[in-house]
Amino acid sequence: KHWAAKVTESQVIEIRRLYKNGERVRRIAEKFNLNEGTTHDICHRKTWKHLEGD
């Protein structure tokens, strides 16, 4: 995990899994205490691109 990262790799995988299964970005953001924009970028692979898996 990068020193400035707010989430772990396992959390990114869980976030993407939830999104793929139809959960809304806002709800995921609330669950993980993240900004909606940050969560959107994770879901749409704008960040954490190196991490495979849904």
Protein backbone atom coordinates (compact mmCIF):
# COMPACT_ATOMS: atom_id res chain seq x y z
CA LYS A 1 0.00 0.00 0.00
CA HIS A 2 1.31 3.40 -0.95
CA TRP A 3 1.91 5.65 2.07
CA ALA A 4 -0.83 8.06 0.95
CA ALA A 5 -3.41 5.40 -0.01
CA LYS A 6 -6.73 5.53 1.83
CA VAL A 7 -7.66 1.95 0.97
CA THR A 8 -5.91 -1.40 0.73
CA GLU A 9 -5.74 -3.66 -2.31
CA SER A 10 -8.30 -6.01 -0.77
CA GLN A 11 -10.67 -3.08 -0.22
CA VAL A 12 -10.28 -2.03 -3.87
CA ILE A 13 -11.23 -5.55 -4.95
CA GLU A 14 -14.27 -5.45 -2.65
CA ILE A 15 -15.27 -1.98 -3.91
CA ARG A 16 -15.13 -3.17 -7.52
CA ARG A 17 -17.05 -6.35 -6.67
CA LEU A 18 -19.82 -4.34 -5.01
CA TYR A 19 -19.99 -1.96 -7.97
CA LYS A 20 -20.08 -4.82 -10.47
CA ASN A 21 -22.97 -6.35 -8.51
CA GLY A 22 -25.02 -3.16 -8.85
CA GLU A 23 -24.19 -1.21 -5.70
CA ARG A 24 -24.22 2.56 -6.21
CA VAL A 25 -20.98 4.54 -5.94
CA ARG A 26 -22.44 6.80 -3.24
CA ARG A 27 -23.34 3.81 -1.06
CA ILE A 28 -19.92 2.21 -1.52
CA ALA A 29 -18.25 5.52 -0.67
CA GLU A 30 -20.26 5.76 2.54
CA LYS A 31 -19.44 2.17 3.49
CA PHE A 32 -15.69 2.74 3.09
CA ASN A 33 -15.72 6.36 4.31
CA LEU A 34 -14.37 7.64 0.99
CA ASN A 35 -15.10 10.59 -1.24
CA GLU A 36 -17.53 9.73 -4.05
CA GLY A 37 -15.02 10.88 -6.67
CA THR A 38 -12.34 8.62 -5.25
CA THR A 39 -14.74 5.70 -5.22
CA HIS A 40 -15.86 6.43 -8.79
CA ASP A 41 -12.25 6.44 -9.96
CA ILE A 42 -11.61 3.08 -8.26
CA CYS A 43 -14.76 1.55 -9.77
CA HIS A 44 -13.89 2.80 -13.26
CA ARG A 45 -10.21 1.83 -12.96
CA LYS A 46 -8.92 5.38 -13.24
CA THR A 47 -6.92 4.64 -10.10
CA TRP A 48 -5.47 1.33 -8.91
CA LYS A 49 -5.07 0.35 -12.59
CA HIS A 50 -2.33 -2.12 -11.73
CA LEU A 51 -4.72 -4.18 -9.63
CA GLU A 52 -6.54 -6.90 -11.52
CA GLY A 53 -9.72 -8.51 -10.33
CA ASP A 54 -13.21 -7.28 -9.84
